[in-house]
Amino acid sequence: MIKLVKPLILIIAIYTCGICKGQASQKCPEIKWKNGSEAAKKIMKSDFYYDALDAWSPFGSDTGSDTYYLYCEWRKENPKESVRKFLDGELISFEYPGFDIYLDGSNTERLKTIVSTMRNNYVDLNYIDELVISLAFSQLFLEGRIEPEVKKWAEAAFSREAAFLVFWGDGKDDLKERKEREQRMNQLLTDLRKG
């Protein structure tokens, strides 16, 4: 029993100390309205942006939070590198290096075919979309603007997510959740375009 306790304590210590991928670091400002760029303060006004438990916030999911902190640290170490290098690195680590980030939801059959080849289907696509959307809002929060190319990637991600809104189910509660998700995506897309 004692042999199991020590490794468990070590795992808990590593996790709570922020050594895990993407956890808060000393280098990156906490995601709070007061810490954002002036542009972010004007655009990212809604409370949900700063709610760490809101899964539909660009930073609320594990993926969104990880992306923010990883990008923040990467940008500090690579101030002149193209953001594409960061995104490609993340896609490689997730084992989707060839994913077309410009692919939108307009051709649903093609999108469904691609998703059907993924290990976890929609879950993997959602991970990629959350990564791209969080990257866009991370730029706005940290740098005060979203690069035009990143905006295109995020718009495509929103389009892919919209194509899979039915993923949320058909029940009465599911319809309510799907409608809320759609409203949130529309607000995020509007705010994205202001960045």
C-alpha atoms as a PDB file:
ATOM      1  CA  MET A   1       0.000   0.000   0.000  1.00  0.00           C
ATOM      2  CA  ILE A   2       2.794   2.446   0.872  1.00  0.00           C
ATOM      3  CA  LYS A   3       4.423   1.809  -2.510  1.00  0.00           C
ATOM      4  CA  LEU A   4       1.279   3.133  -4.226  1.00  0.00           C
ATOM      5  CA  VAL A   5       0.887   6.191  -1.996  1.00  0.00           C
ATOM      6  CA  LYS A   6       4.241   7.813  -2.833  1.00  0.00           C
ATOM      7  CA  PRO A   7       3.720   7.760  -6.632  1.00  0.00           C
ATOM      8  CA  LEU A   8       0.191   9.079  -6.148  1.00  0.00           C
ATOM      9  CA  ILE A   9       1.452  11.932  -3.964  1.00  0.00           C
ATOM     10  CA  LEU A  10       4.097  12.734  -6.577  1.00  0.00           C
ATOM     11  CA  ILE A  11       1.476  12.817  -9.351  1.00  0.00           C
ATOM     12  CA  ILE A  12      -0.752  15.123  -7.304  1.00  0.00           C
ATOM     13  CA  ALA A  13       2.196  17.388  -6.493  1.00  0.00           C
ATOM     14  CA  ILE A  14       3.250  17.606 -10.133  1.00  0.00           C
ATOM     15  CA  TYR A  15      -0.284  18.403 -11.235  1.00  0.00           C
ATOM     16  CA  THR A  16      -0.972  21.025  -8.580  1.00  0.00           C
ATOM     17  CA  CYS A  17       2.375  22.725  -9.075  1.00  0.00           C
ATOM     18  CA  GLY A  18       1.530  23.408 -12.707  1.00  0.00           C
ATOM     19  CA  ILE A  19       4.139  21.184 -14.266  1.00  0.00           C
ATOM     20  CA  CYS A  20       1.487  19.562 -16.452  1.00  0.00           C
ATOM     21  CA  LYS A  21       1.234  20.767 -20.029  1.00  0.00           C
ATOM     22  CA  GLY A  22      -0.432  24.122 -20.357  1.00  0.00           C
ATOM     23  CA  GLN A  23      -0.934  24.987 -16.706  1.00  0.00           C
ATOM     24  CA  ALA A  24      -0.524  28.527 -15.435  1.00  0.00           C
ATOM     25  CA  SER A  25       3.013  29.747 -15.257  1.00  0.00           C
ATOM     26  CA  GLN A  26       4.834  32.695 -13.779  1.00  0.00           C
ATOM     27  CA  LYS A  27       5.447  34.025 -17.296  1.00  0.00           C
ATOM     28  CA  CYS A  28       1.810  34.403 -18.381  1.00  0.00           C
ATOM     29  CA  PRO A  29      -0.827  36.738 -17.009  1.00  0.00           C
ATOM     30  CA  GLU A  30      -3.858  35.101 -15.450  1.00  0.00           C
ATOM     31  CA  ILE A  31      -6.908  35.202 -17.698  1.00  0.00           C
ATOM     32  CA  LYS A  32      -8.767  38.061 -16.055  1.00  0.00           C
ATOM     33  CA  TRP A  33     -10.277  41.108 -17.718  1.00  0.00           C
ATOM     34  CA  LYS A  34      -7.842  43.479 -15.955  1.00  0.00           C
ATOM     35  CA  ASN A  35      -4.818  41.568 -17.367  1.00  0.00           C
ATOM     36  CA  GLY A  36      -5.890  41.688 -21.012  1.00  0.00           C
ATOM     37  CA  SER A  37      -4.666  44.037 -23.708  1.00  0.00           C
ATOM     38  CA  GLU A  38      -6.605  47.268 -24.207  1.00  0.00           C
ATOM     39  CA  ALA A  39      -8.258  45.795 -27.316  1.00  0.00           C
ATOM     40  CA  ALA A  40      -9.256  42.663 -25.388  1.00  0.00           C
ATOM     41  CA  LYS A  41     -10.803  44.794 -22.638  1.00  0.00           C
ATOM     42  CA  LYS A  42     -12.986  46.516 -25.244  1.00  0.00           C
ATOM     43  CA  ILE A  43     -13.975  43.356 -27.132  1.00  0.00           C
ATOM     44  CA  MET A  44     -13.913  40.540 -24.569  1.00  0.00           C
ATOM     45  CA  LYS A  45     -16.383  42.135 -22.158  1.00  0.00           C
ATOM     46  CA  SER A  46     -18.590  39.143 -21.363  1.00  0.00           C
ATOM     47  CA  ASP A  47     -17.936  37.356 -18.082  1.00  0.00           C
ATOM     48  CA  PHE A  48     -17.766  33.956 -19.759  1.00  0.00           C
ATOM     49  CA  TYR A  49     -14.363  34.803 -21.246  1.00  0.00           C
ATOM     50  CA  TYR A  50     -12.896  34.752 -17.752  1.00  0.00           C
ATOM     51  CA  ASP A  51     -14.831  31.794 -16.348  1.00  0.00           C
ATOM     52  CA  ALA A  52     -12.393  28.886 -16.076  1.00  0.00           C
ATOM     53  CA  LEU A  53     -15.296  26.453 -15.725  1.00  0.00           C
ATOM     54  CA  ASP A  54     -17.229  27.577 -18.801  1.00  0.00           C
ATOM     55  CA  ALA A  55     -16.488  24.879 -21.374  1.00  0.00           C
ATOM     56  CA  TRP A  56     -17.747  27.124 -24.177  1.00  0.00           C
ATOM     57  CA  SER A  57     -15.335  29.916 -23.319  1.00  0.00           C
ATOM     58  CA  PRO A  58     -12.187  30.087 -25.477  1.00  0.00           C
ATOM     59  CA  PHE A  59     -10.168  29.447 -22.297  1.00  0.00           C
ATOM     60  CA  GLY A  60     -12.657  27.412 -20.225  1.00  0.00           C
ATOM     61  CA  SER A  61     -11.989  23.949 -21.604  1.00  0.00           C
ATOM     62  CA  ASP A  62      -8.774  22.080 -20.855  1.00  0.00           C
ATOM     63  CA  THR A  63      -7.767  22.546 -24.483  1.00  0.00           C
ATOM     64  CA  GLY A  64      -8.498  26.267 -24.412  1.00  0.00           C
ATOM     65  CA  SER A  65      -6.619  26.853 -21.182  1.00  0.00           C
ATOM     66  CA  ASP A  66      -3.655  24.755 -22.309  1.00  0.00           C
ATOM     67  CA  THR A  67      -3.523  26.597 -25.622  1.00  0.00           C
ATOM     68  CA  TYR A  68      -3.469  29.992 -23.916  1.00  0.00           C
ATOM     69  CA  TYR A  69      -0.570  29.136 -21.600  1.00  0.00           C
ATOM     70  CA  LEU A  70       1.383  27.195 -24.216  1.00  0.00           C
ATOM     71  CA  TYR A  71       1.015  30.009 -26.754  1.00  0.00           C
ATOM     72  CA  CYS A  72       1.921  32.662 -24.188  1.00  0.00           C
ATOM     73  CA  GLU A  73       5.137  30.878 -23.275  1.00  0.00           C
ATOM     74  CA  TRP A  74       5.932  29.976 -26.890  1.00  0.00           C
ATOM     75  CA  ARG A  75       5.488  33.604 -28.023  1.00  0.00           C
ATOM     76  CA  LYS A  76       7.832  34.852 -25.287  1.00  0.00           C
ATOM     77  CA  GLU A  77      10.488  32.402 -26.494  1.00  0.00           C
ATOM     78  CA  ASN A  78       9.743  32.942 -30.220  1.00  0.00           C
ATOM     79  CA  PRO A  79       8.766  36.606 -30.626  1.00  0.00           C
ATOM     80  CA  LYS A  80       9.504  36.719 -34.360  1.00  0.00           C
ATOM     81  CA  GLU A  81       8.293  33.248 -35.386  1.00  0.00           C
ATOM     82  CA  SER A  82       5.176  32.725 -37.452  1.00  0.00           C
ATOM     83  CA  VAL A  83       2.184  31.615 -35.391  1.00  0.00           C
ATOM     84  CA  ARG A  84       1.758  28.845 -37.951  1.00  0.00           C
ATOM     85  CA  LYS A  85       4.826  27.169 -36.460  1.00  0.00           C
ATOM     86  CA  PHE A  86       3.111  27.068 -33.063  1.00  0.00           C
ATOM     87  CA  LEU A  87      -0.110  25.652 -34.518  1.00  0.00           C
ATOM     88  CA  ASP A  88       1.714  23.071 -36.613  1.00  0.00           C
ATOM     89  CA  GLY A  89       3.621  21.932 -33.530  1.00  0.00           C
ATOM     90  CA  GLU A  90       0.378  21.479 -31.604  1.00  0.00           C
ATOM     91  CA  LEU A  91      -1.241  19.565 -34.483  1.00  0.00           C
ATOM     92  CA  ILE A  92       1.825  17.315 -34.715  1.00  0.00           C
ATOM     93  CA  SER A  93       1.740  16.611 -30.978  1.00  0.00           C
ATOM     94  CA  PHE A  94      -1.938  15.694 -31.319  1.00  0.00           C
ATOM     95  CA  GLU A  95      -1.047  13.449 -34.293  1.00  0.00           C
ATOM     96  CA  TYR A  96      -2.985  15.436 -36.913  1.00  0.00           C
ATOM     97  CA  PRO A  97      -0.140  17.175 -38.756  1.00  0.00           C
ATOM     98  CA  GLY A  98      -1.890  17.208 -42.116  1.00  0.00           C
ATOM     99  CA  PHE A  99      -5.215  18.610 -40.948  1.00  0.00           C
ATOM    100  CA  ASP A 100      -6.463  21.372 -43.268  1.00  0.00           C
ATOM    101  CA  ILE A 101      -7.176  24.229 -40.865  1.00  0.00           C
ATOM    102  CA  TYR A 102      -8.816  26.199 -43.689  1.00  0.00           C
ATOM    103  CA  LEU A 103     -11.440  23.473 -44.158  1.00  0.00           C
ATOM    104  CA  ASP A 104     -14.800  24.893 -43.170  1.00  0.00           C
ATOM    105  CA  GLY A 105     -18.224  23.348 -42.687  1.00  0.00           C
ATOM    106  CA  SER A 106     -19.659  24.337 -46.074  1.00  0.00           C
ATOM    107  CA  ASN A 107     -19.022  20.900 -47.595  1.00  0.00           C
ATOM    108  CA  THR A 108     -20.553  18.774 -44.848  1.00  0.00           C
ATOM    109  CA  GLU A 109     -20.066  15.495 -46.710  1.00  0.00           C
ATOM    110  CA  ARG A 110     -16.333  16.087 -47.115  1.00  0.00           C
ATOM    111  CA  LEU A 111     -16.101  17.192 -43.490  1.00  0.00           C
ATOM    112  CA  LYS A 112     -17.972  14.100 -42.273  1.00  0.00           C
ATOM    113  CA  THR A 113     -15.664  11.889 -44.349  1.00  0.00           C
ATOM    114  CA  ILE A 114     -12.582  13.481 -42.793  1.00  0.00           C
ATOM    115  CA  VAL A 115     -14.037  13.268 -39.286  1.00  0.00           C
ATOM    116  CA  SER A 116     -14.864   9.582 -39.815  1.00  0.00           C
ATOM    117  CA  THR A 117     -11.132   8.883 -40.326  1.00  0.00           C
ATOM    118  CA  MET A 118     -10.155  10.482 -37.007  1.00  0.00           C
ATOM    119  CA  ARG A 119      -9.433   8.287 -33.993  1.00  0.00           C
ATOM    120  CA  ASN A 120     -12.193   9.829 -31.881  1.00  0.00           C
ATOM    121  CA  ASN A 121     -14.246  11.390 -34.679  1.00  0.00           C
ATOM    122  CA  TYR A 122     -16.029  14.559 -33.583  1.00  0.00           C
ATOM    123  CA  VAL A 123     -14.132  14.698 -30.273  1.00  0.00           C
ATOM    124  CA  ASP A 124     -10.830  15.081 -32.150  1.00  0.00           C
ATOM    125  CA  LEU A 125     -12.278  17.676 -34.507  1.00  0.00           C
ATOM    126  CA  ASN A 126     -13.620  19.591 -31.528  1.00  0.00           C
ATOM    127  CA  TYR A 127     -10.146  19.512 -29.954  1.00  0.00           C
ATOM    128  CA  ILE A 128      -8.637  21.034 -33.102  1.00  0.00           C
ATOM    129  CA  ASP A 129     -11.383  23.663 -33.273  1.00  0.00           C
ATOM    130  CA  GLU A 130     -10.981  24.593 -29.597  1.00  0.00           C
ATOM    131  CA  LEU A 131      -7.224  24.881 -30.137  1.00  0.00           C
ATOM    132  CA  VAL A 132      -7.627  27.266 -33.072  1.00  0.00           C
ATOM    133  CA  ILE A 133     -10.357  29.372 -31.439  1.00  0.00           C
ATOM    134  CA  SER A 134      -8.390  29.663 -28.214  1.00  0.00           C
ATOM    135  CA  LEU A 135      -5.291  30.641 -30.184  1.00  0.00           C
ATOM    136  CA  ALA A 136      -7.175  33.527 -31.809  1.00  0.00           C
ATOM    137  CA  PHE A 137      -8.503  34.863 -28.500  1.00  0.00           C
ATOM    138  CA  SER A 138      -5.109  34.293 -26.846  1.00  0.00           C
ATOM    139  CA  GLN A 139      -3.590  36.627 -29.424  1.00  0.00           C
ATOM    140  CA  LEU A 140      -6.273  39.223 -28.751  1.00  0.00           C
ATOM    141  CA  PHE A 141      -5.858  38.931 -24.983  1.00  0.00           C
ATOM    142  CA  LEU A 142      -2.054  39.041 -25.011  1.00  0.00           C
ATOM    143  CA  GLU A 143      -1.160  41.075 -28.105  1.00  0.00           C
ATOM    144  CA  GLY A 144      -4.205  43.245 -28.715  1.00  0.00           C
ATOM    145  CA  ARG A 145      -4.948  41.871 -32.165  1.00  0.00           C
ATOM    146  CA  ILE A 146      -5.676  38.682 -34.038  1.00  0.00           C
ATOM    147  CA  GLU A 147      -3.505  38.059 -37.080  1.00  0.00           C
ATOM    148  CA  PRO A 148      -5.601  37.908 -40.293  1.00  0.00           C
ATOM    149  CA  GLU A 149      -4.533  34.323 -41.009  1.00  0.00           C
ATOM    150  CA  VAL A 150      -5.437  33.189 -37.496  1.00  0.00           C
ATOM    151  CA  LYS A 151      -8.827  34.862 -37.953  1.00  0.00           C
ATOM    152  CA  LYS A 152      -9.387  32.772 -41.103  1.00  0.00           C
ATOM    153  CA  TRP A 153      -8.471  29.583 -39.236  1.00  0.00           C
ATOM    154  CA  ALA A 154     -10.839  30.476 -36.380  1.00  0.00           C
ATOM    155  CA  GLU A 155     -13.689  31.344 -38.760  1.00  0.00           C
ATOM    156  CA  ALA A 156     -13.243  27.936 -40.402  1.00  0.00           C
ATOM    157  CA  ALA A 157     -13.245  26.309 -36.949  1.00  0.00           C
ATOM    158  CA  PHE A 158     -16.522  28.033 -36.053  1.00  0.00           C
ATOM    159  CA  SER A 159     -17.973  26.886 -39.365  1.00  0.00           C
ATOM    160  CA  ARG A 160     -16.943  23.283 -38.638  1.00  0.00           C
ATOM    161  CA  GLU A 161     -18.436  23.499 -35.155  1.00  0.00           C
ATOM    162  CA  ALA A 162     -21.698  24.876 -36.575  1.00  0.00           C
ATOM    163  CA  ALA A 163     -21.876  21.928 -38.971  1.00  0.00           C
ATOM    164  CA  PHE A 164     -21.801  19.585 -35.963  1.00  0.00           C
ATOM    165  CA  LEU A 165     -24.269  21.370 -33.695  1.00  0.00           C
ATOM    166  CA  VAL A 166     -26.547  18.354 -34.092  1.00  0.00           C
ATOM    167  CA  PHE A 167     -23.913  16.414 -32.171  1.00  0.00           C
ATOM    168  CA  TRP A 168     -25.534  17.824 -29.028  1.00  0.00           C
ATOM    169  CA  GLY A 169     -28.530  15.507 -29.482  1.00  0.00           C
ATOM    170  CA  ASP A 170     -32.272  15.685 -30.087  1.00  0.00           C
ATOM    171  CA  GLY A 171     -33.894  15.678 -26.631  1.00  0.00           C
ATOM    172  CA  LYS A 172     -35.619  18.731 -25.130  1.00  0.00           C
ATOM    173  CA  ASP A 173     -32.643  19.538 -22.882  1.00  0.00           C
ATOM    174  CA  ASP A 174     -30.274  18.846 -25.771  1.00  0.00           C
ATOM    175  CA  LEU A 175     -32.082  21.366 -27.972  1.00  0.00           C
ATOM    176  CA  LYS A 176     -31.777  24.018 -25.267  1.00  0.00           C
ATOM    177  CA  GLU A 177     -28.053  23.313 -24.895  1.00  0.00           C
ATOM    178  CA  ARG A 178     -27.567  23.339 -28.662  1.00  0.00           C
ATOM    179  CA  LYS A 179     -29.332  26.725 -28.918  1.00  0.00           C
ATOM    180  CA  GLU A 180     -27.136  28.135 -26.131  1.00  0.00           C
ATOM    181  CA  ARG A 181     -24.050  26.774 -27.871  1.00  0.00           C
ATOM    182  CA  GLU A 182     -25.134  28.354 -31.149  1.00  0.00           C
ATOM    183  CA  GLN A 183     -25.721  31.740 -29.468  1.00  0.00           C
ATOM    184  CA  ARG A 184     -22.312  31.582 -27.805  1.00  0.00           C
ATOM    185  CA  MET A 185     -20.592  30.682 -31.083  1.00  0.00           C
ATOM    186  CA  ASN A 186     -22.284  33.626 -32.801  1.00  0.00           C
ATOM    187  CA  GLN A 187     -21.112  36.011 -30.076  1.00  0.00           C
ATOM    188  CA  LEU A 188     -17.570  34.632 -30.232  1.00  0.00           C
ATOM    189  CA  LEU A 189     -17.542  34.940 -34.013  1.00  0.00           C
ATOM    190  CA  THR A 190     -18.747  38.547 -33.812  1.00  0.00           C
ATOM    191  CA  ASP A 191     -16.046  39.348 -31.226  1.00  0.00           C
ATOM    192  CA  LEU A 192     -13.417  37.509 -33.289  1.00  0.00           C
ATOM    193  CA  ARG A 193     -14.149  39.748 -36.271  1.00  0.00           C
ATOM    194  CA  LYS A 194     -13.659  42.864 -34.109  1.00  0.00           C
ATOM    195  CA  GLY A 195     -10.148  41.688 -33.165  1.00  0.00           C
END
